[in-house]
């Protein structure tokens, strides 16, 4: 939430679910989030951790982002690591920010 708030303060348009509760109310989140990550976002920042790997929603969002990344000719998924958890489709050779320290 701190990263999202900081980016928003700098004038960067951010989708963060806590900021969007009213707009998400009543929507089919499975379809809406898939469309967002696959078709509308300029970038997807994922915060990799053991908790991220266990959540169903983050796995769904990542699959949608990966479908988009497959068609892009530039970097689209921007990983930030809290720990060394392996995430399917995010290869060890992918550049990332390490905030574990």
C-alpha atoms as a PDB file:
ATOM      1  CA  UNK A   1       0.000   0.000   0.000  1.00  0.00           C
ATOM      2  CA  UNK A   2       2.926   2.352   0.661  1.00  0.00           C
ATOM      3  CA  UNK A   3       4.312   1.838  -2.844  1.00  0.00           C
ATOM      4  CA  UNK A   4       0.907   2.376  -4.437  1.00  0.00           C
ATOM      5  CA  UNK A   5       0.301   5.535  -2.387  1.00  0.00           C
ATOM      6  CA  UNK A   6       3.749   6.904  -3.242  1.00  0.00           C
ATOM      7  CA  UNK A   7       3.285   6.285  -6.961  1.00  0.00           C
ATOM      8  CA  UNK A   8      -0.163   7.853  -6.891  1.00  0.00           C
ATOM      9  CA  UNK A   9       1.240  10.945  -5.100  1.00  0.00           C
ATOM     10  CA  UNK A  10       3.743  11.281  -7.977  1.00  0.00           C
ATOM     11  CA  UNK A  11       0.881  11.372 -10.482  1.00  0.00           C
ATOM     12  CA  UNK A  12       1.311   7.813 -11.714  1.00  0.00           C
ATOM     13  CA  UNK A  13      -1.955   6.017 -12.395  1.00  0.00           C
ATOM     14  CA  UNK A  14      -2.026   2.919 -10.191  1.00  0.00           C
ATOM     15  CA  UNK A  15      -4.447   0.064  -9.849  1.00  0.00           C
ATOM     16  CA  UNK A  16      -4.404  -1.119  -6.253  1.00  0.00           C
ATOM     17  CA  UNK A  17      -7.467  -2.986  -5.055  1.00  0.00           C
ATOM     18  CA  UNK A  18      -7.750  -1.046  -1.785  1.00  0.00           C
ATOM     19  CA  UNK A  19      -8.041   2.195  -3.801  1.00  0.00           C
ATOM     20  CA  UNK A  20     -10.694   0.693  -6.097  1.00  0.00           C
ATOM     21  CA  UNK A  21     -13.187  -0.911  -3.707  1.00  0.00           C
ATOM     22  CA  UNK A  22     -16.154   1.181  -4.872  1.00  0.00           C
ATOM     23  CA  UNK A  23     -15.403   0.579  -8.578  1.00  0.00           C
ATOM     24  CA  UNK A  24     -14.910  -3.162  -8.007  1.00  0.00           C
ATOM     25  CA  UNK A  25     -18.146  -3.563  -6.057  1.00  0.00           C
ATOM     26  CA  UNK A  26     -20.449  -6.006  -7.844  1.00  0.00           C
ATOM     27  CA  UNK A  27     -18.076  -6.711 -10.753  1.00  0.00           C
ATOM     28  CA  UNK A  28     -17.080 -10.187 -11.841  1.00  0.00           C
ATOM     29  CA  UNK A  29     -13.546  -9.849 -10.524  1.00  0.00           C
ATOM     30  CA  UNK A  30     -12.245 -12.877 -12.364  1.00  0.00           C
ATOM     31  CA  UNK A  31     -13.062 -11.319 -15.739  1.00  0.00           C
ATOM     32  CA  UNK A  32     -12.380  -7.717 -14.744  1.00  0.00           C
ATOM     33  CA  UNK A  33      -8.903  -8.398 -13.352  1.00  0.00           C
ATOM     34  CA  UNK A  34      -8.033 -10.641 -16.267  1.00  0.00           C
ATOM     35  CA  UNK A  35      -8.937  -7.833 -18.686  1.00  0.00           C
ATOM     36  CA  UNK A  36      -7.014  -5.293 -16.630  1.00  0.00           C
ATOM     37  CA  UNK A  37      -3.751  -7.250 -16.503  1.00  0.00           C
ATOM     38  CA  UNK A  38      -4.026  -8.714 -19.995  1.00  0.00           C
ATOM     39  CA  UNK A  39      -5.252  -5.677 -21.927  1.00  0.00           C
ATOM     40  CA  UNK A  40      -5.182  -2.381 -20.051  1.00  0.00           C
ATOM     41  CA  UNK A  41      -2.146  -2.032 -17.772  1.00  0.00           C
ATOM     42  CA  UNK A  42       1.067  -0.483 -19.054  1.00  0.00           C
ATOM     43  CA  UNK A  43       3.104  -2.563 -16.579  1.00  0.00           C
ATOM     44  CA  UNK A  44       2.456  -5.097 -13.859  1.00  0.00           C
ATOM     45  CA  UNK A  45       4.595  -4.953 -10.743  1.00  0.00           C
ATOM     46  CA  UNK A  46       4.510  -8.159  -8.731  1.00  0.00           C
ATOM     47  CA  UNK A  47       5.751  -8.343  -5.160  1.00  0.00           C
ATOM     48  CA  UNK A  48       7.144 -11.848  -4.910  1.00  0.00           C
ATOM     49  CA  UNK A  49       6.951 -13.546  -1.533  1.00  0.00           C
ATOM     50  CA  UNK A  50       5.871 -16.842  -0.032  1.00  0.00           C
ATOM     51  CA  UNK A  51       2.477 -15.207   0.638  1.00  0.00           C
ATOM     52  CA  UNK A  52       2.125 -14.103  -3.002  1.00  0.00           C
ATOM     53  CA  UNK A  53       2.759 -17.655  -4.200  1.00  0.00           C
ATOM     54  CA  UNK A  54      -0.062 -19.093  -2.043  1.00  0.00           C
ATOM     55  CA  UNK A  55      -2.856 -16.702  -2.983  1.00  0.00           C
ATOM     56  CA  UNK A  56      -5.371 -17.688  -5.639  1.00  0.00           C
ATOM     57  CA  UNK A  57      -6.030 -14.147  -6.844  1.00  0.00           C
ATOM     58  CA  UNK A  58      -2.385 -13.294  -7.358  1.00  0.00           C
ATOM     59  CA  UNK A  59      -1.919 -16.498  -9.348  1.00  0.00           C
ATOM     60  CA  UNK A  60      -4.875 -15.563 -11.565  1.00  0.00           C
ATOM     61  CA  UNK A  61      -3.533 -12.030 -12.043  1.00  0.00           C
ATOM     62  CA  UNK A  62      -0.060 -13.339 -12.865  1.00  0.00           C
ATOM     63  CA  UNK A  63      -1.426 -15.717 -15.519  1.00  0.00           C
ATOM     64  CA  UNK A  64      -3.253 -12.810 -17.165  1.00  0.00           C
ATOM     65  CA  UNK A  65      -0.114 -10.662 -17.032  1.00  0.00           C
ATOM     66  CA  UNK A  66       1.967 -13.514 -18.462  1.00  0.00           C
ATOM     67  CA  UNK A  67      -0.453 -13.847 -21.394  1.00  0.00           C
ATOM     68  CA  UNK A  68       0.135 -10.155 -22.097  1.00  0.00           C
ATOM     69  CA  UNK A  69       3.909 -10.386 -21.602  1.00  0.00           C
ATOM     70  CA  UNK A  70       4.048 -13.196 -24.153  1.00  0.00           C
ATOM     71  CA  UNK A  71       2.804 -10.797 -26.851  1.00  0.00           C
ATOM     72  CA  UNK A  72       4.865  -7.759 -25.824  1.00  0.00           C
ATOM     73  CA  UNK A  73       8.194  -6.748 -27.316  1.00  0.00           C
ATOM     74  CA  UNK A  74       9.224  -4.963 -24.106  1.00  0.00           C
ATOM     75  CA  UNK A  75       9.319  -5.684 -20.405  1.00  0.00           C
ATOM     76  CA  UNK A  76       5.797  -5.815 -18.941  1.00  0.00           C
ATOM     77  CA  UNK A  77       6.076  -7.800 -15.689  1.00  0.00           C
ATOM     78  CA  UNK A  78       8.346  -6.017 -13.216  1.00  0.00           C
ATOM     79  CA  UNK A  79       9.188  -8.278 -10.249  1.00  0.00           C
ATOM     80  CA  UNK A  80      10.097  -7.044  -6.784  1.00  0.00           C
ATOM     81  CA  UNK A  81      11.345  -9.733  -4.397  1.00  0.00           C
ATOM     82  CA  UNK A  82      10.703  -9.937  -0.668  1.00  0.00           C
ATOM     83  CA  UNK A  83      12.294 -13.391  -0.568  1.00  0.00           C
ATOM     84  CA  UNK A  84      13.582 -16.123  -2.874  1.00  0.00           C
ATOM     85  CA  UNK A  85      10.232 -17.847  -3.471  1.00  0.00           C
ATOM     86  CA  UNK A  86      10.044 -19.345  -6.952  1.00  0.00           C
ATOM     87  CA  UNK A  87       7.077 -18.250  -9.056  1.00  0.00           C
ATOM     88  CA  UNK A  88       6.178 -20.316 -12.144  1.00  0.00           C
ATOM     89  CA  UNK A  89       6.912 -18.304 -15.271  1.00  0.00           C
ATOM     90  CA  UNK A  90       9.231 -15.830 -13.542  1.00  0.00           C
ATOM     91  CA  UNK A  91      12.610 -17.187 -14.488  1.00  0.00           C
ATOM     92  CA  UNK A  92      15.739 -16.750 -12.354  1.00  0.00           C
ATOM     93  CA  UNK A  93      17.263 -14.802 -15.248  1.00  0.00           C
ATOM     94  CA  UNK A  94      14.545 -12.111 -15.051  1.00  0.00           C
ATOM     95  CA  UNK A  95      15.835  -8.840 -13.632  1.00  0.00           C
ATOM     96  CA  UNK A  96      14.143  -7.786 -10.407  1.00  0.00           C
ATOM     97  CA  UNK A  97      14.399  -5.393  -7.480  1.00  0.00           C
ATOM     98  CA  UNK A  98      15.409  -7.069  -4.215  1.00  0.00           C
ATOM     99  CA  UNK A  99      13.877  -5.514  -1.115  1.00  0.00           C
ATOM    100  CA  UNK A 100      14.520  -8.500   1.138  1.00  0.00           C
ATOM    101  CA  UNK A 101      17.380  -6.736   2.911  1.00  0.00           C
END
